[in-house]
Amino acid sequence: MSLLERGRLVAWLPGRLRNFSRVAQLHLYSNSLRPTTAGNIMIDLYYAPTPNGHKITLFLEEAELAYRLIRVDIGKGEQFHPQFLAISPNNKVPAIVDHMPADGGAPLSVFESGAILLYLAEKSGKLLSGELRERYVTLQWLFWQVGGLGPMLGQNQHFSHSAPQTVPYAIERFQVETQRLYGVLNQRLGCSPWLGGDHYSIADIAAWPWVNCHVRQRIDLANYPAVHNWYERIKQRPATSEAMLKIQLY
């Protein structure tokens, strides 16, 4: 039985495109899949409720793109299923399939959260400045997140909460690095309203889901006031509320 046949799929329109308040859910199976489109966009998001997965739902809601969530149960090892590996060879979520790529060709799959954010920003023309300097400042902070903030905070959470045995050196090492990275983030946000500059962007979307786990990282945002202010501003955005609601329901 295929991943799609076993999986639960939920087709969503972005919250602000719906004219009803109750969240619509549609359970589909592989023999009855039909594209869900809005503005000639159709994105399948292979997803698990992780910070990296949340990045993509935040973007899709913010950009008002129609998408379909396909839950990959990593606890059951579905990320190793051949059907999923054809989309994400590194057996990690998230991954997307764009059924309507700009070149008009066959469906296009993209894996790695940073690459997905960049792809969707370029596809939609949203959340990535076209101005040279702001664009590359944004990309620097996007790569900082995927290369540093995410991996280090992930190791912090693993050794603090999930490791089969207590390793004091690892706990201390990743806690110190987490504090350093929050300091870097605080310094940047102390002199700029958003990571990329004057506009909310994919860099902010990439970082926020990891900062949303600050309690598990033993981080008090009161010690990082610029981060705290930025965190609350993103939390209060309508698209963030929509994305987090779907995460809770799903």
C-alpha atoms as a PDB file:
ATOM      1  CA  MET A   1       0.000   0.000   0.000  1.00  0.00           C
ATOM      2  CA  SER A   2       1.408   3.382  -0.993  1.00  0.00           C
ATOM      3  CA  LEU A   3       2.229   6.243   1.332  1.00  0.00           C
ATOM      4  CA  LEU A   4      -0.664   8.214  -0.135  1.00  0.00           C
ATOM      5  CA  GLU A   5      -3.057   5.303   0.335  1.00  0.00           C
ATOM      6  CA  ARG A   6      -2.014   4.890   3.949  1.00  0.00           C
ATOM      7  CA  GLY A   7      -1.633   8.568   4.701  1.00  0.00           C
ATOM      8  CA  ARG A   8      -4.225  11.077   5.727  1.00  0.00           C
ATOM      9  CA  LEU A   9      -4.380  13.994   3.333  1.00  0.00           C
ATOM     10  CA  VAL A  10      -5.975  17.320   4.060  1.00  0.00           C
ATOM     11  CA  ALA A  11      -6.626  19.812   1.273  1.00  0.00           C
ATOM     12  CA  TRP A  12      -6.492  23.408   2.387  1.00  0.00           C
ATOM     13  CA  LEU A  13      -7.166  26.796   0.937  1.00  0.00           C
ATOM     14  CA  PRO A  14      -5.308  29.566   2.767  1.00  0.00           C
ATOM     15  CA  GLY A  15      -7.477  30.897   5.570  1.00  0.00           C
ATOM     16  CA  ARG A  16      -7.940  34.348   4.091  1.00  0.00           C
ATOM     17  CA  LEU A  17      -9.177  32.845   0.807  1.00  0.00           C
ATOM     18  CA  ARG A  18     -12.012  30.986   2.509  1.00  0.00           C
ATOM     19  CA  ASN A  19     -15.403  32.641   2.959  1.00  0.00           C
ATOM     20  CA  PHE A  20     -16.355  30.458   5.893  1.00  0.00           C
ATOM     21  CA  SER A  21     -14.961  30.317   9.426  1.00  0.00           C
ATOM     22  CA  ARG A  22     -14.953  26.571  10.032  1.00  0.00           C
ATOM     23  CA  VAL A  23     -11.769  24.918   8.818  1.00  0.00           C
ATOM     24  CA  ALA A  24     -12.606  22.669   5.861  1.00  0.00           C
ATOM     25  CA  GLN A  25     -11.059  19.221   5.844  1.00  0.00           C
ATOM     26  CA  LEU A  26     -11.123  16.705   3.016  1.00  0.00           C
ATOM     27  CA  HIS A  27      -9.847  13.170   3.405  1.00  0.00           C
ATOM     28  CA  LEU A  28      -8.551  11.866   0.099  1.00  0.00           C
ATOM     29  CA  TYR A  29      -6.907   8.705  -1.150  1.00  0.00           C
ATOM     30  CA  SER A  30      -4.644   8.087  -4.089  1.00  0.00           C
ATOM     31  CA  ASN A  31      -7.402   6.832  -6.386  1.00  0.00           C
ATOM     32  CA  SER A  32      -9.398  10.029  -5.959  1.00  0.00           C
ATOM     33  CA  LEU A  33      -6.795  12.790  -5.729  1.00  0.00           C
ATOM     34  CA  ARG A  34      -7.730  15.977  -7.533  1.00  0.00           C
ATOM     35  CA  PRO A  35      -5.685  19.187  -7.654  1.00  0.00           C
ATOM     36  CA  THR A  36      -6.753  21.993  -5.355  1.00  0.00           C
ATOM     37  CA  THR A  37      -5.940  25.237  -7.120  1.00  0.00           C
ATOM     38  CA  ALA A  38      -6.000  28.952  -6.410  1.00  0.00           C
ATOM     39  CA  GLY A  39      -4.368  31.343  -8.807  1.00  0.00           C
ATOM     40  CA  ASN A  40      -3.100  28.370 -10.870  1.00  0.00           C
ATOM     41  CA  ILE A  41      -1.057  27.084  -7.912  1.00  0.00           C
ATOM     42  CA  MET A  42      -1.034  23.533  -6.613  1.00  0.00           C
ATOM     43  CA  ILE A  43       1.460  22.497  -3.953  1.00  0.00           C
ATOM     44  CA  ASP A  44       1.607  19.175  -2.135  1.00  0.00           C
ATOM     45  CA  LEU A  45       3.422  19.617   1.172  1.00  0.00           C
ATOM     46  CA  TYR A  46       4.861  16.440   2.693  1.00  0.00           C
ATOM     47  CA  TYR A  47       4.846  17.375   6.308  1.00  0.00           C
ATOM     48  CA  ALA A  48       5.433  16.418   9.922  1.00  0.00           C
ATOM     49  CA  PRO A  49       4.786  18.708  12.914  1.00  0.00           C
ATOM     50  CA  THR A  50       8.386  19.858  13.307  1.00  0.00           C
ATOM     51  CA  PRO A  51       9.869  23.378  13.207  1.00  0.00           C
ATOM     52  CA  ASN A  52      11.154  22.759   9.695  1.00  0.00           C
ATOM     53  CA  GLY A  53       7.719  21.605   8.593  1.00  0.00           C
ATOM     54  CA  HIS A  54       6.103  24.649  10.187  1.00  0.00           C
ATOM     55  CA  LYS A  55       8.285  26.962   8.079  1.00  0.00           C
ATOM     56  CA  ILE A  56       6.511  25.892   4.923  1.00  0.00           C
ATOM     57  CA  THR A  57       2.973  26.162   6.271  1.00  0.00           C
ATOM     58  CA  LEU A  58       3.829  29.668   7.492  1.00  0.00           C
ATOM     59  CA  PHE A  59       5.003  30.639   4.027  1.00  0.00           C
ATOM     60  CA  LEU A  60       2.059  29.095   2.205  1.00  0.00           C
ATOM     61  CA  GLU A  61      -0.432  30.868   4.444  1.00  0.00           C
ATOM     62  CA  GLU A  62       1.422  34.183   4.243  1.00  0.00           C
ATOM     63  CA  ALA A  63       1.657  34.021   0.442  1.00  0.00           C
ATOM     64  CA  GLU A  64      -1.946  32.776   0.132  1.00  0.00           C
ATOM     65  CA  LEU A  65      -1.043  29.770  -1.969  1.00  0.00           C
ATOM     66  CA  ALA A  66      -3.386  26.789  -2.137  1.00  0.00           C
ATOM     67  CA  TYR A  67      -1.777  23.627  -0.830  1.00  0.00           C
ATOM     68  CA  ARG A  68      -2.440  20.133   0.382  1.00  0.00           C
ATOM     69  CA  LEU A  69      -0.888  18.686   3.527  1.00  0.00           C
ATOM     70  CA  ILE A  70       0.306  15.099   3.307  1.00  0.00           C
ATOM     71  CA  ARG A  71       1.299  13.839   6.719  1.00  0.00           C
ATOM     72  CA  VAL A  72       4.451  11.715   6.821  1.00  0.00           C
ATOM     73  CA  ASP A  73       4.458   9.674  10.023  1.00  0.00           C
ATOM     74  CA  ILE A  74       8.141   9.700  10.921  1.00  0.00           C
ATOM     75  CA  GLY A  75       7.407   7.660  14.048  1.00  0.00           C
ATOM     76  CA  LYS A  76       6.324   4.795  11.786  1.00  0.00           C
ATOM     77  CA  GLY A  77       9.228   5.265   9.395  1.00  0.00           C
ATOM     78  CA  GLU A  78       7.170   6.527   6.450  1.00  0.00           C
ATOM     79  CA  GLN A  79      10.053   8.821   5.526  1.00  0.00           C
ATOM     80  CA  PHE A  80      11.901   5.711   4.302  1.00  0.00           C
ATOM     81  CA  HIS A  81       9.120   4.620   1.956  1.00  0.00           C
ATOM     82  CA  PRO A  82      10.342   4.492  -1.676  1.00  0.00           C
ATOM     83  CA  GLN A  83       7.550   6.815  -2.788  1.00  0.00           C
ATOM     84  CA  PHE A  84       8.719   9.482  -0.353  1.00  0.00           C
ATOM     85  CA  LEU A  85      12.415   8.914  -1.088  1.00  0.00           C
ATOM     86  CA  ALA A  86      11.705   9.698  -4.738  1.00  0.00           C
ATOM     87  CA  ILE A  87      10.678  13.170  -3.543  1.00  0.00           C
ATOM     88  CA  SER A  88      13.091  13.635  -0.638  1.00  0.00           C
ATOM     89  CA  PRO A  89      16.222  11.456  -1.079  1.00  0.00           C
ATOM     90  CA  ASN A  90      17.533  12.513   2.351  1.00  0.00           C
ATOM     91  CA  ASN A  91      14.438  10.937   3.990  1.00  0.00           C
ATOM     92  CA  LYS A  92      13.591  14.161   5.801  1.00  0.00           C
ATOM     93  CA  VAL A  93      10.526  16.391   5.921  1.00  0.00           C
ATOM     94  CA  PRO A  94       9.441  18.816   4.652  1.00  0.00           C
ATOM     95  CA  ALA A  95       9.318  18.320   0.908  1.00  0.00           C
ATOM     96  CA  ILE A  96       6.986  19.687  -1.734  1.00  0.00           C
ATOM     97  CA  VAL A  97       5.693  18.762  -5.154  1.00  0.00           C
ATOM     98  CA  ASP A  98       4.633  21.640  -7.379  1.00  0.00           C
ATOM     99  CA  HIS A  99       2.124  20.316  -9.889  1.00  0.00           C
ATOM    100  CA  MET A 100       2.153  23.587 -11.816  1.00  0.00           C
ATOM    101  CA  PRO A 101       5.812  24.677 -12.121  1.00  0.00           C
ATOM    102  CA  ALA A 102       6.579  27.898 -13.958  1.00  0.00           C
ATOM    103  CA  ASP A 103       8.179  26.102 -16.903  1.00  0.00           C
ATOM    104  CA  GLY A 104       4.935  24.264 -17.637  1.00  0.00           C
ATOM    105  CA  GLY A 105       6.654  20.906 -17.376  1.00  0.00           C
ATOM    106  CA  ALA A 106       6.151  17.835 -15.240  1.00  0.00           C
ATOM    107  CA  PRO A 107       5.541  18.176 -11.487  1.00  0.00           C
ATOM    108  CA  LEU A 108       8.652  19.429  -9.706  1.00  0.00           C
ATOM    109  CA  SER A 109       9.752  18.162  -6.281  1.00  0.00           C
ATOM    110  CA  VAL A 110      11.898  20.174  -3.879  1.00  0.00           C
ATOM    111  CA  PHE A 111      13.356  19.033  -0.555  1.00  0.00           C
ATOM    112  CA  GLU A 112      15.254  20.898   2.217  1.00  0.00           C
ATOM    113  CA  SER A 113      13.307  23.647   3.958  1.00  0.00           C
ATOM    114  CA  GLY A 114      15.581  26.498   2.883  1.00  0.00           C
ATOM    115  CA  ALA A 115      15.443  25.442  -0.758  1.00  0.00           C
ATOM    116  CA  ILE A 116      11.654  25.122  -0.526  1.00  0.00           C
ATOM    117  CA  LEU A 117      11.295  28.625   0.914  1.00  0.00           C
ATOM    118  CA  LEU A 118      13.505  30.085  -1.803  1.00  0.00           C
ATOM    119  CA  TYR A 119      11.634  28.180  -4.511  1.00  0.00           C
ATOM    120  CA  LEU A 120       8.221  29.287  -3.269  1.00  0.00           C
ATOM    121  CA  ALA A 121       9.362  32.895  -2.836  1.00  0.00           C
ATOM    122  CA  GLU A 122      10.617  33.008  -6.408  1.00  0.00           C
ATOM    123  CA  LYS A 123       7.518  31.228  -7.714  1.00  0.00           C
ATOM    124  CA  SER A 124       5.080  33.545  -5.957  1.00  0.00           C
ATOM    125  CA  GLY A 125       7.091  36.761  -6.054  1.00  0.00           C
ATOM    126  CA  LYS A 126       6.474  37.186  -2.331  1.00  0.00           C
ATOM    127  CA  LEU A 127       8.529  37.402   0.864  1.00  0.00           C
ATOM    128  CA  LEU A 128      11.882  37.925  -0.878  1.00  0.00           C
ATOM    129  CA  SER A 129      12.866  41.406  -1.979  1.00  0.00           C
ATOM    130  CA  GLY A 130      13.826  42.052  -5.578  1.00  0.00           C
ATOM    131  CA  GLU A 131      16.170  44.821  -4.446  1.00  0.00           C
ATOM    132  CA  LEU A 132      19.757  43.583  -4.622  1.00  0.00           C
ATOM    133  CA  ARG A 133      21.006  44.430  -1.136  1.00  0.00           C
ATOM    134  CA  GLU A 134      17.939  43.428   0.847  1.00  0.00           C
ATOM    135  CA  ARG A 135      17.626  40.243  -1.177  1.00  0.00           C
ATOM    136  CA  TYR A 136      21.110  39.052  -0.284  1.00  0.00           C
ATOM    137  CA  VAL A 137      20.896  40.149   3.324  1.00  0.00           C
ATOM    138  CA  THR A 138      17.737  38.037   3.510  1.00  0.00           C
ATOM    139  CA  LEU A 139      19.485  35.063   1.926  1.00  0.00           C
ATOM    140  CA  GLN A 140      22.407  35.376   4.353  1.00  0.00           C
ATOM    141  CA  TRP A 141      20.053  35.110   7.314  1.00  0.00           C
ATOM    142  CA  LEU A 142      18.108  32.299   5.681  1.00  0.00           C
ATOM    143  CA  PHE A 143      21.324  30.302   5.279  1.00  0.00           C
ATOM    144  CA  TRP A 144      22.368  31.232   8.831  1.00  0.00           C
ATOM    145  CA  GLN A 145      19.163  29.655  10.052  1.00  0.00           C
ATOM    146  CA  VAL A 146      19.388  26.436   8.056  1.00  0.00           C
ATOM    147  CA  GLY A 147      23.118  26.041   8.707  1.00  0.00           C
ATOM    148  CA  GLY A 148      23.286  27.120  12.342  1.00  0.00           C
ATOM    149  CA  LEU A 149      20.182  28.084  14.286  1.00  0.00           C
ATOM    150  CA  GLY A 150      18.107  25.056  13.316  1.00  0.00           C
ATOM    151  CA  PRO A 151      20.756  22.338  13.678  1.00  0.00           C
ATOM    152  CA  MET A 152      22.148  23.668  16.972  1.00  0.00           C
ATOM    153  CA  LEU A 153      18.754  24.229  18.576  1.00  0.00           C
ATOM    154  CA  GLY A 154      17.715  20.797  17.373  1.00  0.00           C
ATOM    155  CA  GLN A 155      20.716  19.218  19.089  1.00  0.00           C
ATOM    156  CA  ASN A 156      19.929  21.211  22.224  1.00  0.00           C
ATOM    157  CA  GLN A 157      16.408  19.800  22.310  1.00  0.00           C
ATOM    158  CA  HIS A 158      17.588  16.270  21.540  1.00  0.00           C
ATOM    159  CA  PHE A 159      20.198  16.034  24.286  1.00  0.00           C
ATOM    160  CA  SER A 160      17.996  17.856  26.806  1.00  0.00           C
ATOM    161  CA  HIS A 161      14.812  15.855  26.207  1.00  0.00           C
ATOM    162  CA  SER A 162      15.214  12.830  23.923  1.00  0.00           C
ATOM    163  CA  ALA A 163      18.645  11.267  24.274  1.00  0.00           C
ATOM    164  CA  PRO A 164      18.558   7.722  25.719  1.00  0.00           C
ATOM    165  CA  GLN A 165      21.132   8.713  28.314  1.00  0.00           C
ATOM    166  CA  THR A 166      22.188  11.968  29.960  1.00  0.00           C
ATOM    167  CA  VAL A 167      25.335  13.433  28.424  1.00  0.00           C
ATOM    168  CA  PRO A 168      26.265  16.512  30.495  1.00  0.00           C
ATOM    169  CA  TYR A 169      28.955  17.689  28.075  1.00  0.00           C
ATOM    170  CA  ALA A 170      26.559  17.633  25.118  1.00  0.00           C
ATOM    171  CA  ILE A 171      23.783  19.342  27.080  1.00  0.00           C
ATOM    172  CA  GLU A 172      26.133  22.123  28.174  1.00  0.00           C
ATOM    173  CA  ARG A 173      27.820  22.465  24.798  1.00  0.00           C
ATOM    174  CA  PHE A 174      24.565  22.917  22.876  1.00  0.00           C
ATOM    175  CA  GLN A 175      23.020  25.136  25.547  1.00  0.00           C
ATOM    176  CA  VAL A 176      25.967  27.521  25.320  1.00  0.00           C
ATOM    177  CA  GLU A 177      25.743  27.535  21.533  1.00  0.00           C
ATOM    178  CA  THR A 178      21.988  28.123  21.696  1.00  0.00           C
ATOM    179  CA  GLN A 179      22.542  31.142  23.918  1.00  0.00           C
ATOM    180  CA  ARG A 180      25.194  32.451  21.525  1.00  0.00           C
ATOM    181  CA  LEU A 181      22.852  32.122  18.550  1.00  0.00           C
ATOM    182  CA  TYR A 182      20.036  33.882  20.392  1.00  0.00           C
ATOM    183  CA  GLY A 183      22.526  36.643  21.114  1.00  0.00           C
ATOM    184  CA  VAL A 184      23.359  36.946  17.415  1.00  0.00           C
ATOM    185  CA  LEU A 185      19.655  37.041  16.590  1.00  0.00           C
ATOM    186  CA  ASN A 186      19.004  39.643  19.274  1.00  0.00           C
ATOM    187  CA  GLN A 187      21.800  41.861  18.005  1.00  0.00           C
ATOM    188  CA  ARG A 188      20.481  41.727  14.447  1.00  0.00           C
ATOM    189  CA  LEU A 189      16.894  42.443  15.454  1.00  0.00           C
ATOM    190  CA  GLY A 190      18.041  45.270  17.690  1.00  0.00           C
ATOM    191  CA  CYS A 191      19.093  47.229  14.608  1.00  0.00           C
ATOM    192  CA  SER A 192      16.600  45.959  12.011  1.00  0.00           C
ATOM    193  CA  PRO A 193      12.838  45.321  12.252  1.00  0.00           C
ATOM    194  CA  TRP A 194      13.198  42.077  10.297  1.00  0.00           C
ATOM    195  CA  LEU A 195      16.100  39.760   9.597  1.00  0.00           C
ATOM    196  CA  GLY A 196      16.380  40.787   5.959  1.00  0.00           C
ATOM    197  CA  GLY A 197      15.850  44.488   6.550  1.00  0.00           C
ATOM    198  CA  ASP A 198      12.685  46.543   6.285  1.00  0.00           C
ATOM    199  CA  HIS A 199      10.375  43.760   5.138  1.00  0.00           C
ATOM    200  CA  TYR A 200       9.113  40.482   6.584  1.00  0.00           C
ATOM    201  CA  SER A 201      10.698  37.674   4.580  1.00  0.00           C
ATOM    202  CA  ILE A 202      11.569  34.019   4.249  1.00  0.00           C
ATOM    203  CA  ALA A 203      14.451  34.574   6.689  1.00  0.00           C
ATOM    204  CA  ASP A 204      11.997  35.444   9.465  1.00  0.00           C
ATOM    205  CA  ILE A 205       9.729  32.561   8.485  1.00  0.00           C
ATOM    206  CA  ALA A 206      12.680  30.158   8.681  1.00  0.00           C
ATOM    207  CA  ALA A 207      13.774  31.277  12.140  1.00  0.00           C
ATOM    208  CA  TRP A 208      10.448  31.766  13.920  1.00  0.00           C
ATOM    209  CA  PRO A 209       9.367  28.108  14.322  1.00  0.00           C
ATOM    210  CA  TRP A 210      12.641  27.328  16.084  1.00  0.00           C
ATOM    211  CA  VAL A 211      12.303  30.311  18.411  1.00  0.00           C
ATOM    212  CA  ASN A 212       8.745  29.134  19.054  1.00  0.00           C
ATOM    213  CA  CYS A 213      10.380  26.183  20.864  1.00  0.00           C
ATOM    214  CA  HIS A 214      12.349  28.450  23.214  1.00  0.00           C
ATOM    215  CA  VAL A 215      10.878  26.890  26.363  1.00  0.00           C
ATOM    216  CA  ARG A 216      12.172  23.437  25.377  1.00  0.00           C
ATOM    217  CA  GLN A 217      15.538  25.067  24.720  1.00  0.00           C
ATOM    218  CA  ARG A 218      15.570  26.543  28.251  1.00  0.00           C
ATOM    219  CA  ILE A 219      15.666  30.050  26.814  1.00  0.00           C
ATOM    220  CA  ASP A 220      13.946  32.982  28.518  1.00  0.00           C
ATOM    221  CA  LEU A 221      13.045  35.502  25.827  1.00  0.00           C
ATOM    222  CA  ALA A 222      13.062  38.251  28.452  1.00  0.00           C
ATOM    223  CA  ASN A 223      16.850  38.032  28.188  1.00  0.00           C
ATOM    224  CA  TYR A 224      16.624  38.779  24.458  1.00  0.00           C
ATOM    225  CA  PRO A 225      14.207  41.730  24.188  1.00  0.00           C
ATOM    226  CA  ALA A 226      14.626  42.351  20.460  1.00  0.00           C
ATOM    227  CA  VAL A 227      13.984  38.672  19.742  1.00  0.00           C
ATOM    228  CA  HIS A 228      10.973  38.733  22.050  1.00  0.00           C
ATOM    229  CA  ASN A 229       9.461  41.720  20.246  1.00  0.00           C
ATOM    230  CA  TRP A 230      10.058  40.129  16.828  1.00  0.00           C
ATOM    231  CA  TYR A 231       8.662  36.797  18.013  1.00  0.00           C
ATOM    232  CA  GLU A 232       5.431  38.374  19.252  1.00  0.00           C
ATOM    233  CA  ARG A 233       4.938  40.415  16.073  1.00  0.00           C
ATOM    234  CA  ILE A 234       5.144  37.274  13.950  1.00  0.00           C
ATOM    235  CA  LYS A 235       2.958  35.295  16.347  1.00  0.00           C
ATOM    236  CA  GLN A 236       0.207  37.901  15.953  1.00  0.00           C
ATOM    237  CA  ARG A 237       0.181  37.835  12.149  1.00  0.00           C
ATOM    238  CA  PRO A 238      -3.076  36.365  10.744  1.00  0.00           C
ATOM    239  CA  ALA A 239      -1.167  33.907   8.553  1.00  0.00           C
ATOM    240  CA  THR A 240       0.746  32.602  11.568  1.00  0.00           C
ATOM    241  CA  SER A 241      -2.517  32.017  13.430  1.00  0.00           C
ATOM    242  CA  GLU A 242      -3.942  30.133  10.447  1.00  0.00           C
ATOM    243  CA  ALA A 243      -0.834  27.992  10.057  1.00  0.00           C
ATOM    244  CA  MET A 244      -0.659  27.113  13.743  1.00  0.00           C
ATOM    245  CA  LEU A 245      -4.384  26.272  13.821  1.00  0.00           C
ATOM    246  CA  LYS A 246      -3.946  23.777  11.018  1.00  0.00           C
ATOM    247  CA  ILE A 247      -0.935  22.288  12.778  1.00  0.00           C
ATOM    248  CA  GLN A 248      -3.045  21.750  15.920  1.00  0.00           C
ATOM    249  CA  LEU A 249      -5.944  20.207  13.997  1.00  0.00           C
ATOM    250  CA  TYR A 250      -3.710  18.027  11.908  1.00  0.00           C
END
